[in-house]
Amino acid sequence: MRELVVRGGSAKPLWAGHPWVHAASVEEIGENPEGDVAIVRDGSGRTIGWGLVSDGSAIRARLLETGEPTGDVDSILEARIGAACALRRRLFPRPEHTNAYRLVHAEGDGLPGLIVDRLGDVLVAQFATGPMHRRRERLAARLLAETGAASLIARPGGYEQEEGIPSDERAFQQGAEPPERVRVMEAGMTFEVEPRLGQKTGHYADQRESRVRVAELCEGRTVLDLFAGTGGFSVQALRHGATSALAVETSNRACATARRTAELNDVQLEVQEADVRQALRDLKQAGTTYDVVVCDPPNFYPRRGGGGQAEKAYRDLNVQSLTRVAPGGLYATFVCSARMRPGAWHDLVRSAARECRRRLRILRELAAGPDHPVVAAAGEGRYLTGVLAVAD
């Protein structure tokens, strides 16, 4: 087994339970390393743990366990898939109510580099690291056996090149040929999703609980859904008694899906295919406000480098969005990036409210649901942060 030594103070977060060993902090013992499993030690030679190695990645290794190895790595991974699936069966015991959710959440389920969403009878996976990619056939077979799903397909995670995954090996599926569209249930709402073509894994299961929390307060109110995607927030609001909803989205495909979502749920949704910022300027010029405004933008941060421009963009967007909230109305706003910590997001939203002279009263913090578990020592796992507030 390979051995990695962590230099200086870089071992401290690992001893505290963080699973990531950064490339800049390690050196390898010995020459011509083979395999992708390594023991990780500190500078004094003490064993911190062991895990899976990605030679070309900025995260050189991801720990599976602390201490010395306790068993065969493949058997451990398969057992953790079983545990992850068992947890979801407890979380979602009624598939007729919810059968779209995060089945495996990487480090949160002890399976670093593996993301799997369940969309009804189809599993959509991201084998996002070299070690998980090399084990994809065995892992896929276990996932299908545990869930009883008919199909599993792999989608790109965005880091294939640095993980050394050849381009001709990135397409992968196991089981039956999946349909182009899959009808699924989320908290009683019907979606029709595209496992191969939709964004990420085809559906943003991480907003399920927030969609319900907002919708529960929408009876008798008008709703503006910005960056609406497939219409989850606005359709759920209409199902809960909203009097009207406008979904603004720039993607033609997402707009078509939002209209289909409204049709499947027998509600009347207005969908506007437009740039959100321009739509906000038009609404401001017309003097139009809404009782409930939801702002759920994509990640503005660049993959590498500073985030100053992203933070300015988020702040400006929140200023524009808050001006469209009627006095005493509700405002739900989100950031989808681990680089924005919850406290910093609250500060940014408060700053935006001061600029447009609105007083916010926060009702609750919003985040991904329990199917997205987070390692307590690794706050990066909490990548979705939101607040629901009254805007006076």
Foldseek 3Di string as FASTA:
>chain_A
DWEKEFEDPQCVLLLVPAFFDFPVGIDTPDPDDDDFKYFYYYPVRHTQAIAGAQVLDRRGTGGLDGDYDDDDPVVVLLVLLLVLQVVVCVVPVDQLAFQWAWSDAAVLSSHHQWTWIGFDLEIEIESAALVSLVCVVVNQVSNCVNPVRAKYWYDYPPCCVSRVNDPVSRTDMDGDDDDQWGWGHQRRFIFIWGQHPAPDRTDDQQCRVVLQVVLLPQAQWEEEEEQCQLNSNPLSNVVSHHPAYEYEHQDPVRQVRNVVSCVVSVHDYHYHRDDRVVVLVVCVVVVAATQEYEAEDAAPADPDDDCPVVLVVLLVVLLSRLSRHDAQGKYKYKHQALVQDQVNVVVSNVVSCVVNVKDKDWPDKDFGDPSQGDDPSDSRSGRMIMTMITTD
